[in-house]
């Protein structure tokens, strides 16, 4: 009797697909100058999905930073669902081991992006194929594999210029917990104005760094007031911290300027406008109370917080199937970090976050729990089938 040949890898095995995604360097070049970007992984995802009958659109307005939207067209009369996951990862400097050599130990797959968030990508890709394997559903299934989430979210912004859906799931890692809210952020530069003069001439100089000290104390006091104020039920309160400070030229010169970059994390009900008014009030009080205190306030990058409607159909549908797979009602939570869900919500697409378990996002060692990946794939498959039928 001839020997039985080894079985070929299951083409719809989420473990195998995750390993193949990890092996592709997709470090965001806006975070690391030598990052490979998303071209290779976008090619892989596009070809993998096209081979399985999906209509594939490649978007690359920036040039060299592509996103892919793959569509399984519905038969008509059903709701459309978009699953959104990002292709890019953070850098690998200081990573413990080979970040692009997926390794399985103790039910975990290690490698850069395994948790954040190639596990979510693998689950949503395989779930979409499984859900449509028996023929088209009534509604369209869209897979948005996007660039640049880890920096500027230009990928999802570009996708939303051309595509929409009746609902969306952002497949960021969430430990199989239903995430219905996350914080936003606003960056500001505060330049405290001094007057340059020789260090021997205090009668002529104004020390911008010393004046900035008054603002840093006031900023810490603002953070304390925020922590003691009204809290969002899932997110707690907003926060503020000084991130970067620069000023002065040499020991013997009074500094003419001191620049402080700060970050304000926001909760629903707060935005860049409310934060600017809050900071202006703090700075104006200092200008009135501290002799010679002058400032300039400049708004930088800002992103809105996100809050889903817990009664939205996509939330209820996914929660029901998660409970069936997990054997208990899933935990409902909020996240302190920002995601592309806020962009989808602003575009009028009801959405939530739901993803795999694991650890090590942006850390020296990163892993995804493979049992959770299997559960996630099953939950997505059932949710797609139900929602789009």
Protein backbone atom coordinates (compact mmCIF):
# COMPACT_ATOMS: atom_id res chain seq x y z
CA UNK A 1 0.00 0.00 0.00
CA UNK A 2 1.59 3.32 -1.02
CA UNK A 3 2.34 5.81 1.72
CA UNK A 4 -0.29 8.47 2.33
CA UNK A 5 1.07 11.86 1.20
CA UNK A 6 1.03 14.63 3.79
CA UNK A 7 -2.10 16.73 3.58
CA UNK A 8 -1.78 20.17 2.04
CA UNK A 9 -2.34 23.20 4.27
CA UNK A 10 -5.97 24.22 4.53
CA UNK A 11 -6.32 27.31 2.31
CA UNK A 12 -8.96 28.64 4.71
CA UNK A 13 -7.00 28.04 7.90
CA UNK A 14 -6.74 31.34 9.78
CA UNK A 15 -3.49 30.21 11.44
CA UNK A 16 -1.83 29.64 8.07
CA UNK A 17 -3.10 32.92 6.67
CA UNK A 18 -1.94 34.84 9.75
CA UNK A 19 1.53 33.33 9.42
CA UNK A 20 1.71 34.40 5.78
CA UNK A 21 0.62 37.95 6.68
CA UNK A 22 3.17 38.23 9.49
CA UNK A 23 5.95 37.16 7.10
CA UNK A 24 5.30 40.24 4.94
CA UNK A 25 7.07 43.37 6.19
CA UNK A 26 4.43 46.12 6.28
CA UNK A 27 6.03 48.57 8.71
CA UNK A 28 4.57 52.05 8.28
CA UNK A 29 7.30 54.25 6.76
CA UNK A 30 5.83 57.32 8.45
CA UNK A 31 6.82 55.71 11.76
CA UNK A 32 10.11 54.13 10.69
CA UNK A 33 12.08 55.57 7.79
CA UNK A 34 13.09 52.13 6.53
CA UNK A 35 9.55 50.71 6.76
CA UNK A 36 8.48 48.69 3.74
CA UNK A 37 4.97 50.14 3.65
CA UNK A 38 1.84 48.38 2.49
CA UNK A 39 2.53 47.59 -1.17
CA UNK A 40 3.60 43.95 -0.76
CA UNK A 41 0.89 43.02 1.72
CA UNK A 42 -1.77 44.83 -0.34
CA UNK A 43 -0.65 42.79 -3.36
CA UNK A 44 -0.91 39.59 -1.37
CA UNK A 45 -4.37 40.34 0.06
CA UNK A 46 -5.70 41.52 -3.29
CA UNK A 47 -4.46 38.43 -5.11
CA UNK A 48 -5.66 36.06 -2.36
CA UNK A 49 -9.16 37.54 -2.45
CA UNK A 50 -9.34 37.82 -6.24
CA UNK A 51 -8.48 34.11 -6.49
CA UNK A 52 -11.55 33.44 -4.36
CA UNK A 53 -13.93 35.41 -6.55
CA UNK A 54 -13.86 38.82 -4.93
CA UNK A 55 -14.00 42.01 -6.97
CA UNK A 56 -10.79 43.81 -5.95
CA UNK A 57 -10.17 47.55 -6.02
CA UNK A 58 -6.72 48.98 -5.29
CA UNK A 59 -6.62 52.56 -3.99
CA UNK A 60 -3.34 54.47 -3.88
CA UNK A 61 -3.86 58.21 -4.01
CA UNK A 62 -0.66 58.84 -2.03
CA UNK A 63 1.51 56.65 -4.25
CA UNK A 64 3.20 53.62 -2.73
CA UNK A 65 0.74 53.44 0.20
CA UNK A 66 -2.09 51.29 -1.21
CA UNK A 67 -5.30 50.08 0.37
CA UNK A 68 -7.46 47.27 -1.03
CA UNK A 69 -11.24 47.01 -1.06
CA UNK A 70 -12.52 43.54 -1.97
CA UNK A 71 -16.23 43.01 -2.59
CA UNK A 72 -18.41 39.93 -2.73
CA UNK A 73 -21.46 41.34 -4.51
CA UNK A 74 -24.81 40.39 -3.10
CA UNK A 75 -27.81 39.08 -4.99
CA UNK A 76 -29.80 42.16 -4.00
CA UNK A 77 -32.21 43.27 -1.34
CA UNK A 78 -29.89 42.75 1.63
CA UNK A 79 -27.79 44.89 3.93
CA UNK A 80 -24.13 45.56 3.11
CA UNK A 81 -21.36 45.04 5.66
CA UNK A 82 -17.79 46.35 5.63
CA UNK A 83 -15.03 44.71 7.65
CA UNK A 84 -12.10 47.08 8.14
CA UNK A 85 -8.56 46.10 9.12
CA UNK A 86 -5.24 47.84 8.69
CA UNK A 87 -2.29 46.44 6.76
CA UNK A 88 0.45 48.49 8.39
CA UNK A 89 2.36 47.79 11.58
CA UNK A 90 4.57 49.83 13.84
CA UNK A 91 8.35 49.51 13.60
CA UNK A 92 10.51 46.57 14.62
CA UNK A 93 13.48 48.31 16.26
CA UNK A 94 14.18 46.48 19.51
CA UNK A 95 11.84 43.60 18.68
CA UNK A 96 12.71 40.43 20.59
CA UNK A 97 13.48 37.91 17.84
CA UNK A 98 12.75 37.92 14.12
CA UNK A 99 9.59 40.02 13.74
CA UNK A 100 8.75 38.51 10.33
CA UNK A 101 9.28 34.84 11.20
CA UNK A 102 5.98 33.65 12.70
CA UNK A 103 6.54 31.24 15.56
CA UNK A 104 3.92 29.16 17.40
CA UNK A 105 4.44 28.40 21.08
CA UNK A 106 1.86 27.39 23.67
CA UNK A 107 -1.11 28.22 21.46
CA UNK A 108 0.25 31.64 20.55
CA UNK A 109 1.62 32.96 17.27
CA UNK A 110 4.44 35.44 17.69
CA UNK A 111 5.52 38.12 15.23
CA UNK A 112 5.13 41.80 14.51
CA UNK A 113 1.51 42.54 13.69
CA UNK A 114 0.20 39.20 14.97
CA UNK A 115 -1.99 40.97 17.53
CA UNK A 116 -2.16 44.47 16.01
CA UNK A 117 -3.76 43.53 13.74
CA UNK A 118 -3.00 40.84 11.19
CA UNK A 119 -5.01 38.39 13.28
CA UNK A 120 -8.08 40.53 12.61
CA UNK A 121 -7.19 40.70 8.92
CA UNK A 122 -6.86 36.93 8.63
CA UNK A 123 -10.14 36.32 10.46
CA UNK A 124 -12.15 38.77 8.39
CA UNK A 125 -10.72 37.52 5.08
CA UNK A 126 -11.44 33.87 5.80
CA UNK A 127 -14.84 34.61 7.36
CA UNK A 128 -15.92 36.53 4.25
CA UNK A 129 -14.89 33.63 2.00
CA UNK A 130 -16.67 31.08 4.19
CA UNK A 131 -19.83 33.18 4.44
CA UNK A 132 -20.10 33.53 0.67
CA UNK A 133 -18.87 30.05 -0.31
CA UNK A 134 -22.38 28.76 -0.94
CA UNK A 135 -23.24 31.60 -3.29
CA UNK A 136 -23.90 35.29 -2.92
CA UNK A 137 -25.69 36.64 0.12
CA UNK A 138 -28.41 39.22 -0.42
CA UNK A 139 -26.16 42.14 0.62
CA UNK A 140 -22.63 43.06 -0.40
CA UNK A 141 -19.67 42.03 1.77
CA UNK A 142 -16.79 44.52 1.64
CA UNK A 143 -13.31 43.94 3.02
CA UNK A 144 -11.35 47.17 3.50
CA UNK A 145 -7.67 46.33 3.99
CA UNK A 146 -6.31 49.78 4.67
CA UNK A 147 -2.97 51.56 4.83
CA UNK A 148 -1.60 53.97 7.40
CA UNK A 149 -3.85 53.40 10.41
CA UNK A 150 -0.83 53.52 12.70
CA UNK A 151 -0.03 57.10 11.68
CA UNK A 152 -2.51 59.25 9.78
CA UNK A 153 -5.36 56.90 8.77
CA UNK A 154 -5.15 58.07 5.17
CA UNK A 155 -6.16 54.58 4.01
CA UNK A 156 -9.59 54.54 5.59
CA UNK A 157 -10.11 58.17 4.59
CA UNK A 158 -9.43 57.23 0.96
CA UNK A 159 -11.71 54.18 1.14
CA UNK A 160 -14.57 56.31 2.44
CA UNK A 161 -14.27 58.67 -0.53
CA UNK A 162 -15.51 55.86 -2.80
CA UNK A 163 -17.17 53.16 -0.68
CA UNK A 164 -19.82 52.92 2.00
CA UNK A 165 -21.89 50.22 3.69
CA UNK A 166 -24.92 49.80 5.91
CA UNK A 167 -22.65 48.86 8.83
CA UNK A 168 -19.03 48.04 9.61
CA UNK A 169 -16.84 46.05 11.97
CA UNK A 170 -13.34 47.28 12.70
CA UNK A 171 -11.32 44.16 13.45
CA UNK A 172 -8.79 45.73 15.82
CA UNK A 173 -7.75 43.41 18.66
CA UNK A 174 -10.26 43.58 21.51
CA UNK A 175 -9.73 40.29 23.40
CA UNK A 176 -13.08 39.07 21.99
CA UNK A 177 -14.81 41.89 23.85
CA UNK A 178 -17.37 44.15 22.19
CA UNK A 179 -15.84 47.62 21.99
CA UNK A 180 -18.43 50.38 21.64
CA UNK A 181 -16.40 53.50 22.38
CA UNK A 182 -12.90 54.89 22.24
CA UNK A 183 -11.18 58.14 23.06
CA UNK A 184 -10.10 60.78 20.57
CA UNK A 185 -7.11 63.07 20.78
CA UNK A 186 -6.00 66.59 19.97
CA UNK A 187 -2.39 67.79 19.70
CA UNK A 188 -1.45 71.39 20.36
CA UNK A 189 1.76 73.42 20.35
CA UNK A 190 2.13 76.12 22.99
CA UNK A 191 4.98 78.55 22.37
CA UNK A 192 5.89 80.67 25.37
CA UNK A 193 7.53 83.91 24.25
CA UNK A 194 10.57 85.31 26.03
CA UNK A 195 13.28 87.79 25.03
CA UNK A 196 16.81 86.79 24.10
CA UNK A 197 19.63 88.56 25.93
CA UNK A 198 23.08 87.85 27.30
CA UNK A 199 22.98 85.86 30.52
CA UNK A 200 24.57 88.78 32.35
CA UNK A 201 21.68 91.11 31.47
CA UNK A 202 18.57 90.05 33.38
CA UNK A 203 17.32 93.60 32.89
CA UNK A 204 17.00 92.86 29.15
CA UNK A 205 16.17 89.16 29.00
CA UNK A 206 12.90 87.30 29.58
CA UNK A 207 13.36 83.61 30.35
CA UNK A 208 10.82 81.73 28.20
CA UNK A 209 11.65 78.43 29.87
CA UNK A 210 10.95 79.79 33.34
CA UNK A 211 7.66 81.26 32.10
CA UNK A 212 6.82 77.88 30.55
CA UNK A 213 7.15 76.36 34.01
CA UNK A 214 4.02 78.24 35.07
CA UNK A 215 2.14 76.66 32.18
CA UNK A 216 3.38 73.15 33.00
CA UNK A 217 2.11 73.51 36.57
CA UNK A 218 -1.23 74.77 35.25
CA UNK A 219 -1.38 71.86 32.79
CA UNK A 220 -0.90 69.38 35.60
CA UNK A 221 -3.68 71.10 37.55
CA UNK A 222 -5.93 70.84 34.49
CA UNK A 223 -5.24 67.11 34.35
CA UNK A 224 -6.27 66.79 38.00
CA UNK A 225 -9.52 68.67 37.37
CA UNK A 226 -10.30 66.44 34.40
CA UNK A 227 -9.71 63.29 36.45
CA UNK A 228 -12.14 64.56 39.11
CA UNK A 229 -14.81 65.59 36.60
CA UNK A 230 -17.74 63.72 35.03
CA UNK A 231 -16.74 60.33 33.61
CA UNK A 232 -17.94 58.54 30.49
CA UNK A 233 -19.39 55.12 31.48
CA UNK A 234 -16.96 53.17 29.27
CA UNK A 235 -14.03 55.54 28.87
CA UNK A 236 -13.69 57.46 32.11
CA UNK A 237 -12.48 61.05 31.82
CA UNK A 238 -10.36 62.93 29.34
CA UNK A 239 -6.67 63.38 30.07
CA UNK A 240 -3.88 65.81 29.19
CA UNK A 241 -0.10 65.59 29.27
CA UNK A 242 2.94 67.45 28.00
CA UNK A 243 4.65 65.32 25.36
CA UNK A 244 7.66 67.30 24.07
CA UNK A 245 9.45 70.42 25.26
CA UNK A 246 12.17 72.42 23.50
CA UNK A 247 13.76 75.76 24.25
CA UNK A 248 16.99 77.65 24.64
CA UNK A 249 20.23 77.78 22.69
CA UNK A 250 23.18 77.96 25.09
CA UNK A 251 23.93 78.42 28.79
CA UNK A 252 24.78 82.12 28.53
CA UNK A 253 21.65 83.30 26.73
CA UNK A 254 18.13 83.97 27.95
CA UNK A 255 15.82 81.71 25.87
CA UNK A 256 13.54 83.62 23.51
CA UNK A 257 11.09 80.76 23.05
CA UNK A 258 9.97 77.55 24.73
CA UNK A 259 7.75 75.19 22.78
CA UNK A 260 5.59 72.60 24.51
CA UNK A 261 3.70 69.98 22.52
CA UNK A 262 0.82 68.47 24.44
CA UNK A 263 -1.79 65.80 23.90
CA UNK A 264 -5.35 65.97 25.17
CA UNK A 265 -7.24 62.65 25.05
CA UNK A 266 -10.94 63.34 24.56
CA UNK A 267 -14.19 61.51 25.35
CA UNK A 268 -17.56 61.91 23.60
CA UNK A 269 -18.75 65.49 24.07
CA UNK A 270 -15.21 66.85 23.72
CA UNK A 271 -13.39 67.81 20.53
CA UNK A 272 -10.56 69.99 19.29
CA UNK A 273 -12.69 73.13 19.58
CA UNK A 274 -13.59 72.51 23.22
CA UNK A 275 -9.97 71.66 24.02
CA UNK A 276 -8.70 74.82 22.35
CA UNK A 277 -11.12 76.90 24.39
CA UNK A 278 -10.04 75.07 27.56
CA UNK A 279 -6.32 75.69 26.89
CA UNK A 280 -6.90 79.31 25.90
CA UNK A 281 -8.65 79.93 29.22
CA UNK A 282 -5.68 78.44 31.11
CA UNK A 283 -3.16 80.50 29.13
CA UNK A 284 -5.15 83.72 29.39
CA UNK A 285 -5.29 83.36 33.18
CA UNK A 286 -1.52 83.01 33.25
CA UNK A 287 -1.07 86.01 30.97
CA UNK A 288 -3.14 88.08 33.40
CA UNK A 289 -1.37 86.81 36.52
CA UNK A 290 2.30 86.25 35.53
CA UNK A 291 4.31 89.37 34.53
CA UNK A 292 5.73 89.09 31.03
CA UNK A 293 3.84 85.89 30.16
CA UNK A 294 3.10 85.75 26.42
CA UNK A 295 2.08 82.75 24.34
CA UNK A 296 1.01 81.36 20.97
CA UNK A 297 -1.33 78.37 20.73
CA UNK A 298 -1.42 76.26 17.55
CA UNK A 299 -3.72 73.32 16.84
CA UNK A 300 -2.16 70.17 15.37
CA UNK A 301 -3.56 66.77 14.40
CA UNK A 302 -6.85 65.91 16.05
CA UNK A 303 -9.23 62.95 15.86
CA UNK A 304 -12.72 62.65 17.26
CA UNK A 305 -13.77 60.16 19.94
CA UNK A 306 -16.11 57.33 18.99
CA UNK A 307 -19.29 56.02 20.57
CA UNK A 308 -21.50 53.34 19.02
CA UNK A 309 -25.22 52.95 19.47
CA UNK A 310 -25.60 49.76 21.54
CA UNK A 311 -28.96 49.14 19.86
CA UNK A 312 -27.57 49.34 16.31
CA UNK A 313 -28.39 46.23 14.28
CA UNK A 314 -24.71 45.36 13.69
CA UNK A 315 -23.99 45.60 17.43
CA UNK A 316 -26.92 43.35 18.34
CA UNK A 317 -26.12 40.87 15.56
CA UNK A 318 -22.45 40.46 16.41
CA UNK A 319 -23.15 40.34 20.16
CA UNK A 320 -25.67 37.54 19.65
CA UNK A 321 -23.24 35.42 17.63
CA UNK A 322 -20.37 36.18 20.00
CA UNK A 323 -22.47 34.90 22.90
CA UNK A 324 -23.26 31.73 20.96
CA UNK A 325 -19.60 31.01 20.25
CA UNK A 326 -18.18 32.10 23.62
CA UNK A 327 -20.91 30.53 25.72
CA UNK A 328 -21.54 33.72 27.67
CA UNK A 329 -22.46 37.34 26.90
CA UNK A 330 -19.34 39.16 25.69
CA UNK A 331 -17.84 41.89 27.81
CA UNK A 332 -18.72 45.39 26.60
CA UNK A 333 -15.86 47.85 26.85
CA UNK A 334 -14.28 51.09 25.69
CA UNK A 335 -10.70 51.66 24.51
CA UNK A 336 -8.37 54.50 25.54
CA UNK A 337 -6.69 54.60 22.11
CA UNK A 338 -8.04 55.95 18.81
CA UNK A 339 -9.05 53.81 15.82
CA UNK A 340 -10.50 54.18 12.33
CA UNK A 341 -13.96 53.42 13.77
CA UNK A 342 -14.36 57.15 14.40
CA UNK A 343 -13.93 57.85 10.68
CA UNK A 344 -16.52 55.24 9.73
CA UNK A 345 -18.94 56.60 12.32
CA UNK A 346 -18.44 60.16 11.08
CA UNK A 347 -19.21 58.91 7.55
CA UNK A 348 -22.59 57.68 8.79
CA UNK A 349 -21.71 53.97 8.96
CA UNK A 350 -22.83 52.30 12.23
CA UNK A 351 -19.89 50.28 13.53
CA UNK A 352 -18.10 48.68 16.44
CA UNK A 353 -14.73 47.10 17.20
CA UNK A 354 -14.24 43.39 17.74
CA UNK A 355 -11.05 41.40 17.44
CA UNK A 356 -8.70 38.71 18.69
CA UNK A 357 -7.02 38.13 22.02
CA UNK A 358 -3.29 38.46 22.55
CA UNK A 359 -0.71 40.91 23.74
CA UNK A 360 2.20 43.11 22.76
CA UNK A 361 0.80 45.82 20.49
CA UNK A 362 3.75 48.15 19.73
CA UNK A 363 5.90 46.14 22.17
CA UNK A 364 9.16 44.17 21.93
CA UNK A 365 7.28 40.87 21.81
CA UNK A 366 3.84 40.47 20.19
CA UNK A 367 1.53 37.49 19.95
CA UNK A 368 -2.00 36.48 19.05
CA UNK A 369 -3.95 33.75 20.83
CA UNK A 370 -4.78 31.15 18.18
CA UNK A 371 -7.86 29.76 19.92
CA UNK A 372 -9.31 33.27 19.99
CA UNK A 373 -8.50 33.64 16.30
CA UNK A 374 -10.58 30.54 15.54
CA UNK A 375 -13.47 31.86 17.64
CA UNK A 376 -13.19 35.26 16.00
CA UNK A 377 -13.36 33.74 12.52
CA UNK A 378 -16.47 31.81 13.49
CA UNK A 379 -18.16 34.87 14.98
CA UNK A 380 -17.39 36.94 11.89
CA UNK A 381 -18.65 34.19 9.57
CA UNK A 382 -21.97 33.94 11.40
CA UNK A 383 -22.33 37.72 11.68
CA UNK A 384 -21.68 38.30 7.97
CA UNK A 385 -24.13 35.56 6.97
CA UNK A 386 -26.84 36.85 9.29
CA UNK A 387 -26.45 40.58 8.67
CA UNK A 388 -26.13 40.38 4.88
CA UNK A 389 -28.94 37.85 4.45
